[in-house]
Amino acid sequence: MVEITRADFQDWKLNNVTKAFMLAAEQRIDDCKEMLASSAGVDTINDRFLVGMIHAYREMQDFRVEDI
């Protein structure tokens, strides 16, 4: 495993590519929420898939250096 310092992690979080990636993740969360708002209950399996996607993107966004 590669060791990452707090400074390395902070640099990564401030990088423009990382910021763009996180914004894209936020947009995907919003897209999933919109799909659920318009069609929840029609297809339970798809509902669970969308909820899982939201959870995965949020977990990625909430990642901290302490989690490494």
C-alpha atoms as a PDB file:
ATOM      1  CA  MET A   1       0.000   0.000   0.000  1.00  0.00           C
ATOM      2  CA  VAL A   2       1.195   3.510  -0.782  1.00  0.00           C
ATOM      3  CA  GLU A   3       1.423   5.845   2.181  1.00  0.00           C
ATOM      4  CA  ILE A   4      -0.387   9.165   1.803  1.00  0.00           C
ATOM      5  CA  THR A   5       0.266  12.093   4.086  1.00  0.00           C
ATOM      6  CA  ARG A   6      -2.361  14.594   5.183  1.00  0.00           C
ATOM      7  CA  ALA A   7      -0.617  17.181   2.984  1.00  0.00           C
ATOM      8  CA  ASP A   8      -0.787  14.849  -0.043  1.00  0.00           C
ATOM      9  CA  PHE A   9      -4.477  14.245   0.584  1.00  0.00           C
ATOM     10  CA  GLN A  10      -5.190  17.949   0.980  1.00  0.00           C
ATOM     11  CA  ASP A  11      -3.306  18.722  -2.251  1.00  0.00           C
ATOM     12  CA  TRP A  12      -5.381  16.090  -4.027  1.00  0.00           C
ATOM     13  CA  LYS A  13      -8.646  17.542  -2.677  1.00  0.00           C
ATOM     14  CA  LEU A  14      -7.646  21.026  -3.874  1.00  0.00           C
ATOM     15  CA  ASN A  15      -6.639  19.842  -7.340  1.00  0.00           C
ATOM     16  CA  ASN A  16      -8.915  21.105 -10.144  1.00  0.00           C
ATOM     17  CA  VAL A  17      -9.329  17.606 -11.583  1.00  0.00           C
ATOM     18  CA  THR A  18     -10.478  16.323  -8.189  1.00  0.00           C
ATOM     19  CA  LYS A  19     -12.880  19.245  -7.810  1.00  0.00           C
ATOM     20  CA  ALA A  20     -14.365  18.546 -11.261  1.00  0.00           C
ATOM     21  CA  PHE A  21     -14.700  14.868 -10.408  1.00  0.00           C
ATOM     22  CA  MET A  22     -16.484  15.641  -7.147  1.00  0.00           C
ATOM     23  CA  LEU A  23     -18.850  18.046  -8.914  1.00  0.00           C
ATOM     24  CA  ALA A  24     -19.638  15.339 -11.467  1.00  0.00           C
ATOM     25  CA  ALA A  25     -20.365  12.930  -8.602  1.00  0.00           C
ATOM     26  CA  GLU A  26     -22.715  15.496  -7.054  1.00  0.00           C
ATOM     27  CA  GLN A  27     -24.522  15.854 -10.386  1.00  0.00           C
ATOM     28  CA  ARG A  28     -24.961  12.095 -10.576  1.00  0.00           C
ATOM     29  CA  ILE A  29     -26.431  12.095  -7.058  1.00  0.00           C
ATOM     30  CA  ASP A  30     -28.901  14.775  -8.147  1.00  0.00           C
ATOM     31  CA  ASP A  31     -29.746  12.774 -11.292  1.00  0.00           C
ATOM     32  CA  CYS A  32     -30.458   9.658  -9.211  1.00  0.00           C
ATOM     33  CA  LYS A  33     -32.657  11.669  -6.838  1.00  0.00           C
ATOM     34  CA  GLU A  34     -34.614  13.097  -9.773  1.00  0.00           C
ATOM     35  CA  MET A  35     -35.136   9.613 -11.212  1.00  0.00           C
ATOM     36  CA  LEU A  36     -36.360   8.371  -7.827  1.00  0.00           C
ATOM     37  CA  ALA A  37     -38.660  11.360  -7.430  1.00  0.00           C
ATOM     38  CA  SER A  38     -40.300  10.709 -10.774  1.00  0.00           C
ATOM     39  CA  SER A  39     -40.497   6.918 -10.772  1.00  0.00           C
ATOM     40  CA  ALA A  40     -40.057   5.493  -7.265  1.00  0.00           C
ATOM     41  CA  GLY A  41     -42.200   2.424  -6.742  1.00  0.00           C
ATOM     42  CA  VAL A  42     -42.467   1.477 -10.413  1.00  0.00           C
ATOM     43  CA  ASP A  43     -39.430  -0.814 -10.341  1.00  0.00           C
ATOM     44  CA  THR A  44     -38.229  -1.732  -6.859  1.00  0.00           C
ATOM     45  CA  ILE A  45     -34.973  -3.235  -8.102  1.00  0.00           C
ATOM     46  CA  ASN A  46     -34.115  -0.038  -9.988  1.00  0.00           C
ATOM     47  CA  ASP A  47     -35.081   2.027  -6.926  1.00  0.00           C
ATOM     48  CA  ARG A  48     -32.611   0.034  -4.801  1.00  0.00           C
ATOM     49  CA  PHE A  49     -29.942   0.415  -7.496  1.00  0.00           C
ATOM     50  CA  LEU A  50     -30.353   4.205  -7.518  1.00  0.00           C
ATOM     51  CA  VAL A  51     -30.261   4.370  -3.716  1.00  0.00           C
ATOM     52  CA  GLY A  52     -27.056   2.300  -3.800  1.00  0.00           C
ATOM     53  CA  MET A  53     -25.535   4.670  -6.359  1.00  0.00           C
ATOM     54  CA  ILE A  54     -26.367   7.671  -4.175  1.00  0.00           C
ATOM     55  CA  HIS A  55     -24.819   5.968  -1.165  1.00  0.00           C
ATOM     56  CA  ALA A  56     -21.647   5.059  -3.095  1.00  0.00           C
ATOM     57  CA  TYR A  57     -21.127   8.579  -4.438  1.00  0.00           C
ATOM     58  CA  ARG A  58     -21.709  10.090  -0.994  1.00  0.00           C
ATOM     59  CA  GLU A  59     -19.273   7.670   0.599  1.00  0.00           C
ATOM     60  CA  MET A  60     -16.674   8.684  -1.978  1.00  0.00           C
ATOM     61  CA  GLN A  61     -17.302  12.388  -1.319  1.00  0.00           C
ATOM     62  CA  ASP A  62     -17.028  11.903   2.446  1.00  0.00           C
ATOM     63  CA  PHE A  63     -13.724  10.024   2.260  1.00  0.00           C
ATOM     64  CA  ARG A  64     -11.117  11.292   4.734  1.00  0.00           C
ATOM     65  CA  VAL A  65      -7.396  10.738   5.040  1.00  0.00           C
ATOM     66  CA  GLU A  66      -8.110   8.881   8.295  1.00  0.00           C
ATOM     67  CA  ASP A  67      -9.978   6.248   6.245  1.00  0.00           C
ATOM     68  CA  ILE A  68      -6.768   5.180   4.523  1.00  0.00           C
END
